[in-house]
N, C-alpha and C. Protein backbone atom coordinates (compact mmCIF):
# COMPACT_ATOMS: atom_id res chain seq x y z
N MET A 1 5.04 3.21 6.94
CA MET A 1 4.29 2.24 7.69
C MET A 1 5.09 1.80 8.90
N GLU A 2 4.37 1.36 9.92
CA GLU A 2 5.05 0.91 11.12
C GLU A 2 5.85 -0.34 10.82
N HIS A 3 6.99 -0.43 11.48
CA HIS A 3 7.86 -1.60 11.32
C HIS A 3 7.40 -2.70 12.28
N LYS A 4 6.29 -3.35 11.90
CA LYS A 4 5.80 -4.49 12.66
C LYS A 4 5.39 -5.59 11.69
N SER A 5 5.47 -6.78 12.19
CA SER A 5 5.18 -7.96 11.38
C SER A 5 3.77 -7.91 10.79
N GLY A 6 3.67 -8.15 9.49
CA GLY A 6 2.38 -8.31 8.83
C GLY A 6 1.80 -7.08 8.18
N VAL A 7 2.34 -5.88 8.45
CA VAL A 7 1.75 -4.67 7.88
C VAL A 7 1.87 -4.67 6.36
N LEU A 8 3.06 -4.87 5.84
CA LEU A 8 3.25 -4.89 4.39
C LEU A 8 2.43 -6.01 3.76
N SER A 9 2.38 -7.16 4.39
CA SER A 9 1.60 -8.28 3.88
C SER A 9 0.12 -7.92 3.76
N ARG A 10 -0.42 -7.24 4.77
CA ARG A 10 -1.83 -6.83 4.73
C ARG A 10 -2.08 -5.83 3.60
N VAL A 11 -1.14 -4.92 3.39
CA VAL A 11 -1.26 -3.96 2.30
C VAL A 11 -1.29 -4.70 0.96
N LEU A 12 -0.33 -5.60 0.76
CA LEU A 12 -0.26 -6.33 -0.50
C LEU A 12 -1.49 -7.21 -0.73
N ASN A 13 -1.96 -7.86 0.32
CA ASN A 13 -3.15 -8.70 0.19
C ASN A 13 -4.40 -7.88 -0.11
N THR A 14 -4.48 -6.68 0.43
CA THR A 14 -5.62 -5.80 0.14
C THR A 14 -5.62 -5.40 -1.32
N VAL A 15 -4.46 -5.01 -1.83
CA VAL A 15 -4.35 -4.64 -3.25
C VAL A 15 -4.72 -5.83 -4.14
N ALA A 16 -4.16 -6.99 -3.85
CA ALA A 16 -4.42 -8.18 -4.65
C ALA A 16 -5.88 -8.61 -4.56
N GLY A 17 -6.49 -8.43 -3.39
CA GLY A 17 -7.87 -8.83 -3.21
C GLY A 17 -8.85 -8.05 -4.08
N ASP A 18 -8.42 -6.87 -4.52
CA ASP A 18 -9.27 -6.06 -5.41
C ASP A 18 -8.69 -6.01 -6.82
N SER A 19 -7.89 -7.02 -7.16
CA SER A 19 -7.33 -7.23 -8.50
C SER A 19 -6.31 -6.19 -8.93
N GLY A 20 -5.69 -5.52 -7.97
CA GLY A 20 -4.57 -4.65 -8.30
C GLY A 20 -3.32 -5.51 -8.45
N SER A 21 -2.37 -5.02 -9.20
CA SER A 21 -1.13 -5.77 -9.43
C SER A 21 0.05 -4.95 -8.93
N ILE A 22 0.84 -5.53 -8.03
CA ILE A 22 2.02 -4.86 -7.50
C ILE A 22 3.13 -4.90 -8.55
N MET A 23 3.63 -3.72 -8.90
CA MET A 23 4.70 -3.64 -9.89
C MET A 23 6.06 -3.52 -9.22
N THR A 24 6.20 -2.63 -8.22
CA THR A 24 7.46 -2.47 -7.49
C THR A 24 7.18 -2.16 -6.03
N ILE A 25 8.14 -2.53 -5.18
CA ILE A 25 8.11 -2.17 -3.76
C ILE A 25 9.51 -1.68 -3.40
N ASN A 26 9.58 -0.49 -2.84
CA ASN A 26 10.84 0.07 -2.34
C ASN A 26 10.60 0.48 -0.90
N GLN A 27 11.40 -0.08 0.01
CA GLN A 27 11.22 0.22 1.42
C GLN A 27 12.55 0.65 2.02
N GLY A 28 12.51 1.75 2.77
CA GLY A 28 13.71 2.24 3.44
C GLY A 28 13.93 1.53 4.76
N ILE A 29 15.06 1.81 5.36
CA ILE A 29 15.40 1.25 6.67
C ILE A 29 14.48 1.90 7.71
N PRO A 30 13.87 1.10 8.57
CA PRO A 30 12.99 1.68 9.59
C PRO A 30 13.76 2.59 10.56
N LEU A 31 13.23 3.77 10.79
CA LEU A 31 13.78 4.71 11.76
C LEU A 31 12.68 5.03 12.76
N GLN A 32 12.98 4.86 14.02
CA GLN A 32 12.02 5.09 15.11
C GLN A 32 10.72 4.32 14.88
N GLY A 33 10.87 3.10 14.35
CA GLY A 33 9.73 2.20 14.20
C GLY A 33 8.87 2.42 12.98
N VAL A 34 9.31 3.31 12.06
CA VAL A 34 8.53 3.61 10.85
C VAL A 34 9.44 3.50 9.63
N ALA A 35 8.95 2.83 8.59
CA ALA A 35 9.70 2.68 7.35
C ALA A 35 8.93 3.33 6.21
N ASN A 36 9.60 4.20 5.46
CA ASN A 36 8.98 4.75 4.26
C ASN A 36 8.95 3.67 3.19
N THR A 37 7.79 3.48 2.61
CA THR A 37 7.61 2.44 1.61
C THR A 37 6.90 3.03 0.40
N THR A 38 7.44 2.77 -0.78
CA THR A 38 6.81 3.20 -2.03
C THR A 38 6.40 1.95 -2.78
N ILE A 39 5.12 1.89 -3.14
CA ILE A 39 4.58 0.73 -3.85
C ILE A 39 3.95 1.22 -5.14
N SER A 40 4.38 0.66 -6.27
CA SER A 40 3.76 0.96 -7.57
C SER A 40 2.71 -0.10 -7.84
N ILE A 41 1.50 0.36 -8.18
CA ILE A 41 0.38 -0.55 -8.37
C ILE A 41 -0.23 -0.33 -9.75
N GLU A 42 -0.41 -1.41 -10.49
CA GLU A 42 -1.16 -1.38 -11.75
C GLU A 42 -2.63 -1.46 -11.38
N THR A 43 -3.40 -0.44 -11.77
CA THR A 43 -4.80 -0.35 -11.34
C THR A 43 -5.79 -0.65 -12.46
N LYS A 44 -5.30 -1.02 -13.61
CA LYS A 44 -6.18 -1.23 -14.78
C LYS A 44 -7.27 -2.25 -14.52
N GLU A 45 -6.98 -3.29 -13.77
CA GLU A 45 -7.93 -4.38 -13.54
C GLU A 45 -8.66 -4.28 -12.19
N LEU A 46 -8.52 -3.15 -11.48
CA LEU A 46 -9.16 -3.02 -10.18
C LEU A 46 -10.66 -3.29 -10.27
N THR A 47 -11.17 -3.98 -9.27
CA THR A 47 -12.61 -4.29 -9.22
C THR A 47 -13.38 -3.25 -8.42
N ILE A 48 -12.65 -2.29 -7.82
CA ILE A 48 -13.28 -1.18 -7.09
C ILE A 48 -12.64 0.11 -7.56
N ASP A 49 -13.26 1.22 -7.21
CA ASP A 49 -12.73 2.53 -7.52
C ASP A 49 -11.39 2.73 -6.79
N LEU A 50 -10.47 3.45 -7.42
CA LEU A 50 -9.15 3.70 -6.81
C LEU A 50 -9.29 4.36 -5.44
N GLU A 51 -10.17 5.32 -5.30
CA GLU A 51 -10.35 6.00 -4.01
C GLU A 51 -10.82 5.02 -2.94
N ALA A 52 -11.65 4.06 -3.31
CA ALA A 52 -12.11 3.05 -2.36
C ALA A 52 -10.95 2.17 -1.91
N LEU A 53 -10.06 1.81 -2.84
CA LEU A 53 -8.87 1.03 -2.48
C LEU A 53 -7.98 1.84 -1.53
N LEU A 54 -7.77 3.10 -1.84
CA LEU A 54 -6.94 3.94 -0.98
C LEU A 54 -7.54 4.05 0.42
N ASP A 55 -8.86 4.16 0.51
CA ASP A 55 -9.51 4.20 1.82
C ASP A 55 -9.28 2.91 2.59
N LYS A 56 -9.37 1.77 1.90
CA LYS A 56 -9.09 0.48 2.55
C LYS A 56 -7.67 0.42 3.07
N LEU A 57 -6.72 0.89 2.27
CA LEU A 57 -5.31 0.86 2.66
C LEU A 57 -5.05 1.77 3.86
N ARG A 58 -5.70 2.92 3.88
CA ARG A 58 -5.53 3.86 5.01
C ARG A 58 -6.03 3.26 6.32
N MET A 59 -6.98 2.36 6.25
CA MET A 59 -7.58 1.77 7.45
C MET A 59 -6.76 0.61 8.03
N ILE A 60 -5.75 0.16 7.31
CA ILE A 60 -4.92 -0.95 7.79
C ILE A 60 -4.08 -0.48 8.98
N ASP A 61 -4.15 -1.23 10.07
CA ASP A 61 -3.37 -0.93 11.26
C ASP A 61 -1.88 -0.97 10.92
N GLY A 62 -1.18 0.11 11.15
CA GLY A 62 0.24 0.18 10.85
C GLY A 62 0.56 1.07 9.66
N VAL A 63 -0.45 1.40 8.84
CA VAL A 63 -0.25 2.35 7.75
C VAL A 63 -0.38 3.75 8.36
N LYS A 64 0.71 4.49 8.35
CA LYS A 64 0.73 5.79 8.99
C LYS A 64 0.32 6.93 8.05
N ARG A 65 0.70 6.82 6.80
CA ARG A 65 0.39 7.86 5.82
C ARG A 65 0.36 7.24 4.44
N LEU A 66 -0.53 7.74 3.58
CA LEU A 66 -0.64 7.22 2.23
C LEU A 66 -0.79 8.40 1.29
N GLU A 67 0.02 8.42 0.23
CA GLU A 67 -0.03 9.48 -0.76
C GLU A 67 0.02 8.87 -2.15
N VAL A 68 -0.70 9.46 -3.08
CA VAL A 68 -0.58 9.09 -4.49
C VAL A 68 0.47 10.02 -5.07
N LEU A 69 1.55 9.43 -5.59
CA LEU A 69 2.65 10.23 -6.11
C LEU A 69 2.47 10.56 -7.60
N GLY A 70 1.71 9.74 -8.30
CA GLY A 70 1.48 9.99 -9.71
C GLY A 70 0.53 8.97 -10.29
N GLN A 71 -0.12 9.37 -11.37
CA GLN A 71 -1.04 8.47 -12.07
C GLN A 71 -0.81 8.61 -13.56
N VAL A 72 -0.94 7.48 -14.25
CA VAL A 72 -0.82 7.51 -15.71
C VAL A 72 -2.14 7.11 -16.28
């Protein structure tokens, strides 16, 4: 994600707004204005489909790339 004020906050608020629960956040040092960020999300209580949440997250200004690394 871009290293600008509010991007991570918007991501977290979007997840919380659909009843997702943030389990972990790991963010690297920003290089050339972009920081790699890994967020673990508990999706058991989501009020929308996971794909719909991912689409919402992709639309946030400052989110450059989004990948699902694994699902349980």
